[in-house]
Amino acid sequence: MFGEIMREITSFESIDELLTDGGWEFDVDNSTDDLATWFYPPSGIDTEDETVETVTRIWVGADSEDVDDSDLEWHVIFVGAGDGAIDYIFSAESLVENLLTIEAYRLGDAEPDFQG
């Protein structure tokens, strides 16, 4: 039963709902048939440097329609990231567990300490 509940909570649709209900915006301009991305407006910065990420972003892609939601890799890129920045990768469960830490990050903060 726990496994069924976890699969439901960590489905693509559930995570999309969790993100958008939490203030994340689905990025229509940068999403494609193979890639979905959201950004967190409260983390935003103003910069003229086009090589710097201006918001914290979450993205997920699938190589095939046969990929199960539980196998998806959720990527996080923090505001201020540039070339060579760390692309944090989470399972769906780990993303949910660490979402508050991700949302709390602001440019200049120390590297987050993730759970799990």
PDB file of N, CA and C in Angstrom:
ATOM      1  N   MET A   1       0.817  -1.186   0.000  1.00  0.00           N
ATOM      2  CA  MET A   1       0.000   0.000   0.000  1.00  0.00           C
ATOM      3  C   MET A   1       0.866   1.258   0.000  1.00  0.00           C
ATOM      4  N   PHE A   2       1.937   1.286   0.805  1.00  0.00           N
ATOM      5  CA  PHE A   2       2.836   2.447   0.832  1.00  0.00           C
ATOM      6  C   PHE A   2       3.406   2.704  -0.560  1.00  0.00           C
ATOM      7  N   GLY A   3       3.791   1.634  -1.268  1.00  0.00           N
ATOM      8  CA  GLY A   3       4.340   1.770  -2.617  1.00  0.00           C
ATOM      9  C   GLY A   3       3.356   2.415  -3.570  1.00  0.00           C
ATOM     10  N   GLU A   4       2.092   2.020  -3.469  1.00  0.00           N
ATOM     11  CA  GLU A   4       1.063   2.618  -4.332  1.00  0.00           C
ATOM     12  C   GLU A   4       0.888   4.102  -4.041  1.00  0.00           C
ATOM     13  N   ILE A   5       0.870   4.447  -2.762  1.00  0.00           N
ATOM     14  CA  ILE A   5       0.713   5.853  -2.371  1.00  0.00           C
ATOM     15  C   ILE A   5       1.902   6.668  -2.868  1.00  0.00           C
ATOM     16  N   MET A   6       3.114   6.129  -2.700  1.00  0.00           N
ATOM     17  CA  MET A   6       4.317   6.843  -3.142  1.00  0.00           C
ATOM     18  C   MET A   6       4.316   7.025  -4.659  1.00  0.00           C
ATOM     19  N   ARG A   7       3.897   6.007  -5.407  1.00  0.00           N
ATOM     20  CA  ARG A   7       3.832   6.133  -6.870  1.00  0.00           C
ATOM     21  C   ARG A   7       2.850   7.220  -7.276  1.00  0.00           C
ATOM     22  N   GLU A   8       1.735   7.310  -6.555  1.00  0.00           N
ATOM     23  CA  GLU A   8       0.741   8.335  -6.872  1.00  0.00           C
ATOM     24  C   GLU A   8       1.283   9.727  -6.568  1.00  0.00           C
ATOM     25  N   ILE A   9       1.927   9.873  -5.418  1.00  0.00           N
ATOM     26  CA  ILE A   9       2.472  11.168  -5.009  1.00  0.00           C
ATOM     27  C   ILE A   9       3.586  11.625  -5.940  1.00  0.00           C
ATOM     28  N   THR A  10       4.362  10.681  -6.460  1.00  0.00           N
ATOM     29  CA  THR A  10       5.530  11.029  -7.270  1.00  0.00           C
ATOM     30  C   THR A  10       5.284  10.862  -8.767  1.00  0.00           C
ATOM     31  N   SER A  11       4.029  10.780  -9.172  1.00  0.00           N
ATOM     32  CA  SER A  11       3.745  10.733 -10.607  1.00  0.00           C
ATOM     33  C   SER A  11       4.037  12.105 -11.214  1.00  0.00           C
ATOM     34  N   PHE A  12       4.247  12.137 -12.499  1.00  0.00           N
ATOM     35  CA  PHE A  12       4.518  13.401 -13.190  1.00  0.00           C
ATOM     36  C   PHE A  12       3.403  14.410 -12.916  1.00  0.00           C
ATOM     37  N   GLU A  13       2.168  13.962 -13.036  1.00  0.00           N
ATOM     38  CA  GLU A  13       1.033  14.865 -12.851  1.00  0.00           C
ATOM     39  C   GLU A  13       0.977  15.404 -11.423  1.00  0.00           C
ATOM     40  N   SER A  14       1.255  14.562 -10.441  1.00  0.00           N
ATOM     41  CA  SER A  14       1.220  15.001  -9.046  1.00  0.00           C
ATOM     42  C   SER A  14       2.324  16.016  -8.755  1.00  0.00           C
ATOM     43  N   ILE A  15       3.514  15.778  -9.304  1.00  0.00           N
ATOM     44  CA  ILE A  15       4.604  16.723  -9.081  1.00  0.00           C
ATOM     45  C   ILE A  15       4.316  18.039  -9.797  1.00  0.00           C
ATOM     46  N   ASP A  16       3.778  17.975 -10.990  1.00  0.00           N
ATOM     47  CA  ASP A  16       3.383  19.205 -11.693  1.00  0.00           C
ATOM     48  C   ASP A  16       2.391  19.997 -10.838  1.00  0.00           C
ATOM     49  N   GLU A  17       1.408  19.328 -10.279  1.00  0.00           N
ATOM     50  CA  GLU A  17       0.416  19.996  -9.434  1.00  0.00           C
ATOM     51  C   GLU A  17       1.064  20.568  -8.177  1.00  0.00           C
ATOM     52  N   LEU A  18       1.950  19.802  -7.552  1.00  0.00           N
ATOM     53  CA  LEU A  18       2.653  20.269  -6.356  1.00  0.00           C
ATOM     54  C   LEU A  18       3.462  21.535  -6.660  1.00  0.00           C
ATOM     55  N   LEU A  19       4.171  21.520  -7.787  1.00  0.00           N
ATOM     56  CA  LEU A  19       4.984  22.671  -8.158  1.00  0.00           C
ATOM     57  C   LEU A  19       4.123  23.897  -8.445  1.00  0.00           C
ATOM     58  N   THR A  20       3.132  23.747  -9.288  1.00  0.00           N
ATOM     59  CA  THR A  20       2.326  24.912  -9.675  1.00  0.00           C
ATOM     60  C   THR A  20       1.501  25.433  -8.502  1.00  0.00           C
ATOM     61  N   ASP A  21       1.020  24.545  -7.643  1.00  0.00           N
ATOM     62  CA  ASP A  21       0.299  25.001  -6.445  1.00  0.00           C
ATOM     63  C   ASP A  21       1.239  25.731  -5.487  1.00  0.00           C
ATOM     64  N   GLY A  22       2.552  25.420  -5.546  1.00  0.00           N
ATOM     65  CA  GLY A  22       3.530  26.030  -4.668  1.00  0.00           C
ATOM     66  C   GLY A  22       4.171  27.291  -5.224  1.00  0.00           C
ATOM     67  N   GLY A  23       3.660  27.794  -6.343  1.00  0.00           N
ATOM     68  CA  GLY A  23       4.166  29.048  -6.891  1.00  0.00           C
ATOM     69  C   GLY A  23       5.140  28.901  -8.045  1.00  0.00           C
ATOM     70  N   TRP A  24       5.458  27.667  -8.437  1.00  0.00           N
ATOM     71  CA  TRP A  24       6.311  27.449  -9.604  1.00  0.00           C
ATOM     72  C   TRP A  24       5.477  27.703 -10.851  1.00  0.00           C
ATOM     73  N   GLU A  25       6.114  28.187 -11.893  1.00  0.00           N
ATOM     74  CA  GLU A  25       5.416  28.416 -13.155  1.00  0.00           C
ATOM     75  C   GLU A  25       5.944  27.459 -14.209  1.00  0.00           C
ATOM     76  N   PHE A  26       5.008  26.823 -14.917  1.00  0.00           N
ATOM     77  CA  PHE A  26       5.396  25.969 -16.034  1.00  0.00           C
ATOM     78  C   PHE A  26       5.926  26.869 -17.132  1.00  0.00           C
ATOM     79  N   ASP A  27       7.102  26.551 -17.642  1.00  0.00           N
ATOM     80  CA  ASP A  27       7.774  27.388 -18.634  1.00  0.00           C
ATOM     81  C   ASP A  27       7.399  26.927 -20.040  1.00  0.00           C
ATOM     82  N   VAL A  28       6.349  27.525 -20.562  1.00  0.00           N
ATOM     83  CA  VAL A  28       5.842  27.156 -21.881  1.00  0.00           C
ATOM     84  C   VAL A  28       6.886  27.420 -22.962  1.00  0.00           C
ATOM     85  N   ASP A  29       7.638  28.516 -22.845  1.00  0.00           N
ATOM     86  CA  ASP A  29       8.612  28.895 -23.868  1.00  0.00           C
ATOM     87  C   ASP A  29       9.782  27.923 -23.975  1.00  0.00           C
ATOM     88  N   ASN A  30      10.170  27.280 -22.871  1.00  0.00           N
ATOM     89  CA  ASN A  30      11.337  26.403 -22.884  1.00  0.00           C
ATOM     90  C   ASN A  30      10.995  24.926 -22.750  1.00  0.00           C
ATOM     91  N   SER A  31       9.721  24.585 -22.723  1.00  0.00           N
ATOM     92  CA  SER A  31       9.303  23.188 -22.669  1.00  0.00           C
ATOM     93  C   SER A  31       9.000  22.693 -24.085  1.00  0.00           C
ATOM     94  N   THR A  32       9.240  21.409 -24.288  1.00  0.00           N
ATOM     95  CA  THR A  32       8.998  20.780 -25.589  1.00  0.00           C
ATOM     96  C   THR A  32       8.250  19.466 -25.362  1.00  0.00           C
ATOM     97  N   ASP A  33       8.055  18.705 -26.425  1.00  0.00           N
ATOM     98  CA  ASP A  33       7.432  17.391 -26.287  1.00  0.00           C
ATOM     99  C   ASP A  33       8.289  16.447 -25.444  1.00  0.00           C
ATOM    100  N   ASP A  34       9.596  16.679 -25.408  1.00  0.00           N
ATOM    101  CA  ASP A  34      10.523  15.791 -24.699  1.00  0.00           C
ATOM    102  C   ASP A  34      11.073  16.380 -23.410  1.00  0.00           C
ATOM    103  N   LEU A  35      10.692  17.607 -23.082  1.00  0.00           N
ATOM    104  CA  LEU A  35      11.256  18.283 -21.915  1.00  0.00           C
ATOM    105  C   LEU A  35      10.199  19.189 -21.296  1.00  0.00           C
ATOM    106  N   ALA A  36      10.028  19.067 -19.978  1.00  0.00           N
ATOM    107  CA  ALA A  36       9.135  19.967 -19.248  1.00  0.00           C
ATOM    108  C   ALA A  36       9.978  20.716 -18.235  1.00  0.00           C
ATOM    109  N   THR A  37       9.737  22.016 -18.112  1.00  0.00           N
ATOM    110  CA  THR A  37      10.511  22.815 -17.168  1.00  0.00           C
ATOM    111  C   THR A  37       9.611  23.815 -16.446  1.00  0.00           C
ATOM    112  N   TRP A  38       9.944  24.037 -15.181  1.00  0.00           N
ATOM    113  CA  TRP A  38       9.251  24.999 -14.328  1.00  0.00           C
ATOM    114  C   TRP A  38      10.290  25.947 -13.755  1.00  0.00           C
ATOM    115  N   PHE A  39       9.875  27.167 -13.414  1.00  0.00           N
ATOM    116  CA  PHE A  39      10.788  28.091 -12.752  1.00  0.00           C
ATOM    117  C   PHE A  39      10.086  28.682 -11.541  1.00  0.00           C
ATOM    118  N   TYR A  40      10.920  29.152 -10.576  1.00  0.00           N
ATOM    119  CA  TYR A  40      10.410  29.650  -9.304  1.00  0.00           C
ATOM    120  C   TYR A  40      10.610  31.156  -9.238  1.00  0.00           C
ATOM    121  N   PRO A  41       9.581  31.939  -9.571  1.00  0.00           N
ATOM    122  CA  PRO A  41       9.721  33.395  -9.620  1.00  0.00           C
ATOM    123  C   PRO A  41      10.286  34.050  -8.357  1.00  0.00           C
ATOM    124  N   PRO A  42       9.949  33.592  -7.133  1.00  0.00           N
ATOM    125  CA  PRO A  42      10.519  34.258  -5.958  1.00  0.00           C
ATOM    126  C   PRO A  42      12.049  34.215  -5.889  1.00  0.00           C
ATOM    127  N   SER A  43      12.681  33.319  -6.627  1.00  0.00           N
ATOM    128  CA  SER A  43      14.146  33.217  -6.611  1.00  0.00           C
ATOM    129  C   SER A  43      14.802  34.135  -7.625  1.00  0.00           C
ATOM    130  N   GLY A  44      14.023  34.817  -8.423  1.00  0.00           N
ATOM    131  CA  GLY A  44      14.531  35.561  -9.572  1.00  0.00           C
ATOM    132  C   GLY A  44      15.465  36.720  -9.253  1.00  0.00           C
ATOM    133  N   ILE A  45      16.366  36.940 -10.202  1.00  0.00           N
ATOM    134  CA  ILE A  45      17.289  38.075 -10.130  1.00  0.00           C
ATOM    135  C   ILE A  45      17.261  38.803 -11.473  1.00  0.00           C
ATOM    136  N   ASP A  46      17.701  40.054 -11.468  1.00  0.00           N
ATOM    137  CA  ASP A  46      17.862  40.824 -12.700  1.00  0.00           C
ATOM    138  C   ASP A  46      19.335  40.817 -13.070  1.00  0.00           C
ATOM    139  N   THR A  47      19.625  40.483 -14.316  1.00  0.00           N
ATOM    140  CA  THR A  47      20.987  40.529 -14.810  1.00  0.00           C
ATOM    141  C   THR A  47      20.953  40.694 -16.331  1.00  0.00           C
ATOM    142  N   GLU A  48      21.965  41.337 -16.833  1.00  0.00           N
ATOM    143  CA  GLU A  48      22.106  41.482 -18.285  1.00  0.00           C
ATOM    144  C   GLU A  48      22.905  40.326 -18.878  1.00  0.00           C
ATOM    145  N   ASP A  49      23.506  39.510 -18.027  1.00  0.00           N
ATOM    146  CA  ASP A  49      24.337  38.392 -18.454  1.00  0.00           C
ATOM    147  C   ASP A  49      23.452  37.221 -18.865  1.00  0.00           C
ATOM    148  N   GLU A  50      23.367  36.963 -20.155  1.00  0.00           N
ATOM    149  CA  GLU A  50      22.503  35.911 -20.680  1.00  0.00           C
ATOM    150  C   GLU A  50      23.029  34.510 -20.406  1.00  0.00           C
ATOM    151  N   THR A  51      24.242  34.380 -19.855  1.00  0.00           N
ATOM    152  CA  THR A  51      24.792  33.067 -19.538  1.00  0.00           C
ATOM    153  C   THR A  51      24.473  32.644 -18.105  1.00  0.00           C
ATOM    154  N   VAL A  52      23.779  33.508 -17.360  1.00  0.00           N
ATOM    155  CA  VAL A  52      23.451  33.242 -15.965  1.00  0.00           C
ATOM    156  C   VAL A  52      21.959  32.918 -15.848  1.00  0.00           C
ATOM    157  N   GLU A  53      21.652  31.854 -15.139  1.00  0.00           N
ATOM    158  CA  GLU A  53      20.257  31.476 -14.897  1.00  0.00           C
ATOM    159  C   GLU A  53      19.637  32.509 -13.956  1.00  0.00           C
ATOM    160  N   THR A  54      18.512  33.085 -14.365  1.00  0.00           N
ATOM    161  CA  THR A  54      17.897  34.175 -13.589  1.00  0.00           C
ATOM    162  C   THR A  54      16.875  33.695 -12.562  1.00  0.00           C
ATOM    163  N   VAL A  55      16.569  32.421 -12.562  1.00  0.00           N
ATOM    164  CA  VAL A  55      15.634  31.829 -11.600  1.00  0.00           C
ATOM    165  C   VAL A  55      16.084  30.400 -11.291  1.00  0.00           C
ATOM    166  N   THR A  56      15.624  29.880 -10.176  1.00  0.00           N
ATOM    167  CA  THR A  56      15.808  28.451  -9.912  1.00  0.00           C
ATOM    168  C   THR A  56      14.842  27.708 -10.815  1.00  0.00           C
ATOM    169  N   ARG A  57      15.342  26.648 -11.411  1.00  0.00           N
ATOM    170  CA  ARG A  57      14.576  25.925 -12.426  1.00  0.00           C
ATOM    171  C   ARG A  57      14.593  24.427 -12.139  1.00  0.00           C
ATOM    172  N   ILE A  58      13.474  23.776 -12.391  1.00  0.00           N
ATOM    173  CA  ILE A  58      13.365  22.315 -12.356  1.00  0.00           C
ATOM    174  C   ILE A  58      12.985  21.865 -13.752  1.00  0.00           C
ATOM    175  N   TRP A  59      13.664  20.802 -14.216  1.00  0.00           N
ATOM    176  CA  TRP A  59      13.272  20.256 -15.512  1.00  0.00           C
ATOM    177  C   TRP A  59      13.352  18.741 -15.486  1.00  0.00           C
ATOM    178  N   VAL A  60      12.567  18.136 -16.344  1.00  0.00           N
ATOM    179  CA  VAL A  60      12.541  16.683 -16.478  1.00  0.00           C
ATOM    180  C   VAL A  60      12.339  16.367 -17.953  1.00  0.00           C
ATOM    181  N   GLY A  61      13.006  15.338 -18.406  1.00  0.00           N
ATOM    182  CA  GLY A  61      12.867  14.896 -19.789  1.00  0.00           C
ATOM    183  C   GLY A  61      12.664  13.401 -19.826  1.00  0.00           C
ATOM    184  N   ALA A  62      12.111  12.946 -20.915  1.00  0.00           N
ATOM    185  CA  ALA A  62      11.926  11.508 -21.105  1.00  0.00           C
ATOM    186  C   ALA A  62      12.425  11.141 -22.492  1.00  0.00           C
ATOM    187  N   ASP A  63      13.243  10.101 -22.553  1.00  0.00           N
ATOM    188  CA  ASP A  63      13.760   9.641 -23.833  1.00  0.00           C
ATOM    189  C   ASP A  63      12.727   8.835 -24.606  1.00  0.00           C
ATOM    190  N   SER A  64      11.735   8.328 -23.906  1.00  0.00           N
ATOM    191  CA  SER A  64      10.766   7.438 -24.513  1.00  0.00           C
ATOM    192  C   SER A  64       9.449   7.520 -23.753  1.00  0.00           C
ATOM    193  N   GLU A  65       8.356   7.264 -24.450  1.00  0.00           N
ATOM    194  CA  GLU A  65       7.051   7.231 -23.781  1.00  0.00           C
ATOM    195  C   GLU A  65       6.952   6.031 -22.851  1.00  0.00           C
ATOM    196  N   ASP A  66       7.849   5.049 -23.019  1.00  0.00           N
ATOM    197  CA  ASP A  66       7.819   3.844 -22.201  1.00  0.00           C
ATOM    198  C   ASP A  66       8.439   4.049 -20.827  1.00  0.00           C
ATOM    199  N   VAL A  67       8.987   5.224 -20.556  1.00  0.00           N
ATOM    200  CA  VAL A  67       9.630   5.488 -19.273  1.00  0.00           C
ATOM    201  C   VAL A  67       8.563   5.654 -18.199  1.00  0.00           C
ATOM    202  N   ASP A  68       8.703   4.899 -17.126  1.00  0.00           N
ATOM    203  CA  ASP A  68       7.798   4.995 -15.992  1.00  0.00           C
ATOM    204  C   ASP A  68       8.108   6.272 -15.204  1.00  0.00           C
ATOM    205  N   ASP A  69       7.077   6.929 -14.677  1.00  0.00           N
ATOM    206  CA  ASP A  69       7.282   8.170 -13.919  1.00  0.00           C
ATOM    207  C   ASP A  69       8.286   7.997 -12.793  1.00  0.00           C
ATOM    208  N   SER A  70       8.299   6.824 -12.167  1.00  0.00           N
ATOM    209  CA  SER A  70       9.204   6.601 -11.042  1.00  0.00           C
ATOM    210  C   SER A  70      10.664   6.557 -11.472  1.00  0.00           C
ATOM    211  N   ASP A  71      10.917   6.390 -12.764  1.00  0.00           N
ATOM    212  CA  ASP A  71      12.290   6.342 -13.284  1.00  0.00           C
ATOM    213  C   ASP A  71      12.773   7.694 -13.813  1.00  0.00           C
ATOM    214  N   LEU A  72      11.913   8.696 -13.805  1.00  0.00           N
ATOM    215  CA  LEU A  72      12.305   9.998 -14.321  1.00  0.00           C
ATOM    216  C   LEU A  72      13.355  10.638 -13.422  1.00  0.00           C
ATOM    217  N   GLU A  73      14.271  11.353 -14.033  1.00  0.00           N
ATOM    218  CA  GLU A  73      15.272  12.118 -13.296  1.00  0.00           C
ATOM    219  C   GLU A  73      14.863  13.584 -13.342  1.00  0.00           C
ATOM    220  N   TRP A  74      14.713  14.167 -12.155  1.00  0.00           N
ATOM    221  CA  TRP A  74      14.308  15.564 -12.008  1.00  0.00           C
ATOM    222  C   TRP A  74      15.553  16.387 -11.755  1.00  0.00           C
ATOM    223  N   HIS A  75      15.796  17.388 -12.584  1.00  0.00           N
ATOM    224  CA  HIS A  75      17.002  18.216 -12.512  1.00  0.00           C
ATOM    225  C   HIS A  75      16.666  19.570 -11.894  1.00  0.00           C
ATOM    226  N   VAL A  76      17.597  20.069 -11.098  1.00  0.00           N
ATOM    227  CA  VAL A  76      17.452  21.389 -10.491  1.00  0.00           C
ATOM    228  C   VAL A  76      18.692  22.198 -10.814  1.00  0.00           C
ATOM    229  N   ILE A  77      18.459  23.399 -11.315  1.00  0.00           N
ATOM    230  CA  ILE A  77      19.534  24.357 -11.561  1.00  0.00           C
ATOM    231  C   ILE A  77      19.166  25.610 -10.776  1.00  0.00           C
ATOM    232  N   PHE A  78      20.081  26.043  -9.910  1.00  0.00           N
ATOM    233  CA  PHE A  78      19.784  27.179  -9.047  1.00  0.00           C
ATOM    234  C   PHE A  78      20.032  28.512  -9.733  1.00  0.00           C
ATOM    235  N   VAL A  79      19.294  29.499  -9.277  1.00  0.00           N
ATOM    236  CA  VAL A  79      19.467  30.870  -9.737  1.00  0.00           C
ATOM    237  C   VAL A  79      20.946  31.241  -9.621  1.00  0.00           C
ATOM    238  N   GLY A  80      21.452  31.935 -10.628  1.00  0.00           N
ATOM    239  CA  GLY A  80      22.852  32.349 -10.644  1.00  0.00           C
ATOM    240  C   GLY A  80      23.777  31.367 -11.317  1.00  0.00           C
ATOM    241  N   ALA A  81      23.264  30.195 -11.684  1.00  0.00           N
ATOM    242  CA  ALA A  81      24.100  29.180 -12.329  1.00  0.00           C
ATOM    243  C   ALA A  81      24.562  29.676 -13.697  1.00  0.00           C
ATOM    244  N   GLY A  82      25.781  29.356 -14.005  1.00  0.00           N
ATOM    245  CA  GLY A  82      26.342  29.687 -15.305  1.00  0.00           C
ATOM    246  C   GLY A  82      26.986  28.449 -15.897  1.00  0.00           C
ATOM    247  N   ASP A  83      27.859  28.657 -16.875  1.00  0.00           N
ATOM    248  CA  ASP A  83      28.568  27.536 -17.475  1.00  0.00           C
ATOM    249  C   ASP A  83      29.293  26.750 -16.403  1.00  0.00           C
ATOM    250  N   GLY A  84      29.180  25.437 -16.451  1.00  0.00           N
ATOM    251  CA  GLY A  84      29.870  24.579 -15.506  1.00  0.00           C
ATOM    252  C   GLY A  84      29.196  24.458 -14.152  1.00  0.00           C
ATOM    253  N   ALA A  85      27.987  25.001 -14.010  1.00  0.00           N
ATOM    254  CA  ALA A  85      27.281  24.940 -12.729  1.00  0.00           C
ATOM    255  C   ALA A  85      26.779  23.527 -12.461  1.00  0.00           C
ATOM    256  N   ILE A  86      26.522  23.251 -11.219  1.00  0.00           N
ATOM    257  CA  ILE A  86      26.023  21.937 -10.815  1.00  0.00           C
ATOM    258  C   ILE A  86      24.566  21.797 -11.237  1.00  0.00           C
ATOM    259  N   ASP A  87      24.279  20.665 -11.840  1.00  0.00           N
ATOM    260  CA  ASP A  87      22.928  20.282 -12.218  1.00  0.00           C
ATOM    261  C   ASP A  87      22.542  19.163 -11.246  1.00  0.00           C
ATOM    262  N   TYR A  88      21.793  19.506 -10.194  1.00  0.00           N
ATOM    263  CA  TYR A  88      21.403  18.523  -9.184  1.00  0.00           C
ATOM    264  C   TYR A  88      20.340  17.601  -9.777  1.00  0.00           C
ATOM    265  N   ILE A  89      20.479  16.305  -9.549  1.00  0.00           N
ATOM    266  CA  ILE A  89      19.545  15.330 -10.096  1.00  0.00           C
ATOM    267  C   ILE A  89      18.883  14.578  -8.947  1.00  0.00           C
ATOM    268  N   PHE A  90      17.560  14.493  -9.013  1.00  0.00           N
ATOM    269  CA  PHE A  90      16.764  13.866  -7.968  1.00  0.00           C
ATOM    270  C   PHE A  90      15.831  12.822  -8.561  1.00  0.00           C
ATOM    271  N   SER A  91      15.505  11.819  -7.763  1.00  0.00           N
ATOM    272  CA  SER A  91      14.367  10.963  -8.075  1.00  0.00           C
ATOM    273  C   SER A  91      13.125  11.788  -7.738  1.00  0.00           C
ATOM    274  N   ALA A  92      11.964  11.334  -8.168  1.00  0.00           N
ATOM    275  CA  ALA A  92      10.736  12.062  -7.861  1.00  0.00           C
ATOM    276  C   ALA A  92      10.533  12.150  -6.349  1.00  0.00           C
ATOM    277  N   GLU A  93      10.763  11.058  -5.640  1.00  0.00           N
ATOM    278  CA  GLU A  93      10.594  11.037  -4.188  1.00  0.00           C
ATOM    279  C   GLU A  93      11.551  12.016  -3.508  1.00  0.00           C
ATOM    280  N   SER A  94      12.795  12.015  -3.933  1.00  0.00           N
ATOM    281  CA  SER A  94      13.793  12.900  -3.346  1.00  0.00           C
ATOM    282  C   SER A  94      13.487  14.365  -3.661  1.00  0.00           C
ATOM    283  N   LEU A  95      12.989  14.648  -4.855  1.00  0.00           N
ATOM    284  CA  LEU A  95      12.608  16.017  -5.206  1.00  0.00           C
ATOM    285  C   LEU A  95      11.536  16.526  -4.246  1.00  0.00           C
ATOM    286  N   VAL A  96      10.522  15.707  -4.008  1.00  0.00           N
ATOM    287  CA  VAL A  96       9.444  16.097  -3.101  1.00  0.00           C
ATOM    288  C   VAL A  96       9.998  16.332  -1.698  1.00  0.00           C
ATOM    289  N   GLU A  97      10.881  15.453  -1.236  1.00  0.00           N
ATOM    290  CA  GLU A  97      11.465  15.580   0.104  1.00  0.00           C
ATOM    291  C   GLU A  97      12.296  16.857   0.254  1.00  0.00           C
ATOM    292  N   ASN A  98      12.914  17.303  -0.838  1.00  0.00           N
ATOM    293  CA  ASN A  98      13.835  18.438  -0.784  1.00  0.00           C
ATOM    294  C   ASN A  98      13.263  19.728  -1.362  1.00  0.00           C
ATOM    295  N   LEU A  99      11.995  19.734  -1.712  1.00  0.00           N
ATOM    296  CA  LEU A  99      11.420  20.887  -2.408  1.00  0.00           C
ATOM    297  C   LEU A  99      11.501  22.174  -1.580  1.00  0.00           C
ATOM    298  N   LEU A 100      11.250  22.108  -0.299  1.00  0.00           N
ATOM    299  CA  LEU A 100      11.322  23.323   0.527  1.00  0.00           C
ATOM    300  C   LEU A 100      12.741  23.885   0.563  1.00  0.00           C
ATOM    301  N   THR A 101      13.736  23.006   0.592  1.00  0.00           N
ATOM    302  CA  THR A 101      15.132  23.447   0.563  1.00  0.00           C
ATOM    303  C   THR A 101      15.445  24.111  -0.771  1.00  0.00           C
ATOM    304  N   ILE A 102      14.956  23.538  -1.845  1.00  0.00           N
ATOM    305  CA  ILE A 102      15.166  24.097  -3.188  1.00  0.00           C
ATOM    306  C   ILE A 102      14.513  25.472  -3.285  1.00  0.00           C
ATOM    307  N   GLU A 103      13.298  25.582  -2.806  1.00  0.00           N
ATOM    308  CA  GLU A 103      12.569  26.849  -2.877  1.00  0.00           C
ATOM    309  C   GLU A 103      13.210  27.936  -2.011  1.00  0.00           C
ATOM    310  N   ALA A 104      13.839  27.551  -0.934  1.00  0.00           N
ATOM    311  CA  ALA A 104      14.438  28.525  -0.015  1.00  0.00           C
ATOM    312  C   ALA A 104      15.746  29.104  -0.541  1.00  0.00           C
ATOM    313  N   TYR A 105      16.382  28.457  -1.519  1.00  0.00           N
ATOM    314  CA  TYR A 105      17.686  28.908  -2.000  1.00  0.00           C
ATOM    315  C   TYR A 105      17.570  30.255  -2.718  1.00  0.00           C
ATOM    316  N   ARG A 106      18.501  31.137  -2.385  1.00  0.00           N
ATOM    317  CA  ARG A 106      18.612  32.432  -3.063  1.00  0.00           C
ATOM    318  C   ARG A 106      20.065  32.632  -3.466  1.00  0.00           C
ATOM    319  N   LEU A 107      20.273  33.426  -4.487  1.00  0.00           N
ATOM    320  CA  LEU A 107      21.611  33.709  -4.987  1.00  0.00           C
ATOM    321  C   LEU A 107      22.515  34.150  -3.837  1.00  0.00           C
ATOM    322  N   GLY A 108      23.666  33.520  -3.740  1.00  0.00           N
ATOM    323  CA  GLY A 108      24.630  33.853  -2.695  1.00  0.00           C
ATOM    324  C   GLY A 108      24.540  32.960  -1.470  1.00  0.00           C
ATOM    325  N   ASP A 109      23.486  32.174  -1.353  1.00  0.00           N
ATOM    326  CA  ASP A 109      23.373  31.244  -0.228  1.00  0.00           C
ATOM    327  C   ASP A 109      24.409  30.137  -0.353  1.00  0.00           C
ATOM    328  N   ALA A 110      24.727  29.510   0.762  1.00  0.00           N
ATOM    329  CA  ALA A 110      25.607  28.338   0.760  1.00  0.00           C
ATOM    330  C   ALA A 110      24.909  27.201   0.025  1.00  0.00           C
ATOM    331  N   GLU A 111      25.697  26.260  -0.479  1.00  0.00           N
ATOM    332  CA  GLU A 111      25.141  25.110  -1.168  1.00  0.00           C
ATOM    333  C   GLU A 111      24.171  24.393  -0.236  1.00  0.00           C
ATOM    334  N   PRO A 112      22.980  24.070  -0.718  1.00  0.00           N
ATOM    335  CA  PRO A 112      21.975  23.428   0.151  1.00  0.00           C
ATOM    336  C   PRO A 112      22.431  22.055   0.622  1.00  0.00           C
ATOM    337  N   ASP A 113      21.905  21.683   1.781  1.00  0.00           N
ATOM    338  CA  ASP A 113      22.141  20.362   2.346  1.00  0.00           C
ATOM    339  C   ASP A 113      20.872  19.552   2.096  1.00  0.00           C
ATOM    340  N   PHE A 114      20.932  18.624   1.148  1.00  0.00           N
ATOM    341  CA  PHE A 114      19.743  17.865   0.756  1.00  0.00           C
ATOM    342  C   PHE A 114      19.559  16.628   1.616  1.00  0.00           C
ATOM    343  N   GLN A 115      18.296  16.254   1.823  1.00  0.00           N
ATOM    344  CA  GLN A 115      17.959  15.022   2.536  1.00  0.00           C
ATOM    345  C   GLN A 115      17.997  13.860   1.564  1.00  0.00           C
ATOM    346  N   GLY A 116      18.267  12.696   2.094  1.00  0.00           N
ATOM    347  CA  GLY A 116      18.195  11.461   1.308  1.00  0.00           C
ATOM    348  C   GLY A 116      19.205  11.413   0.285  1.00  0.00           C
TER     349      GLY A 116
END
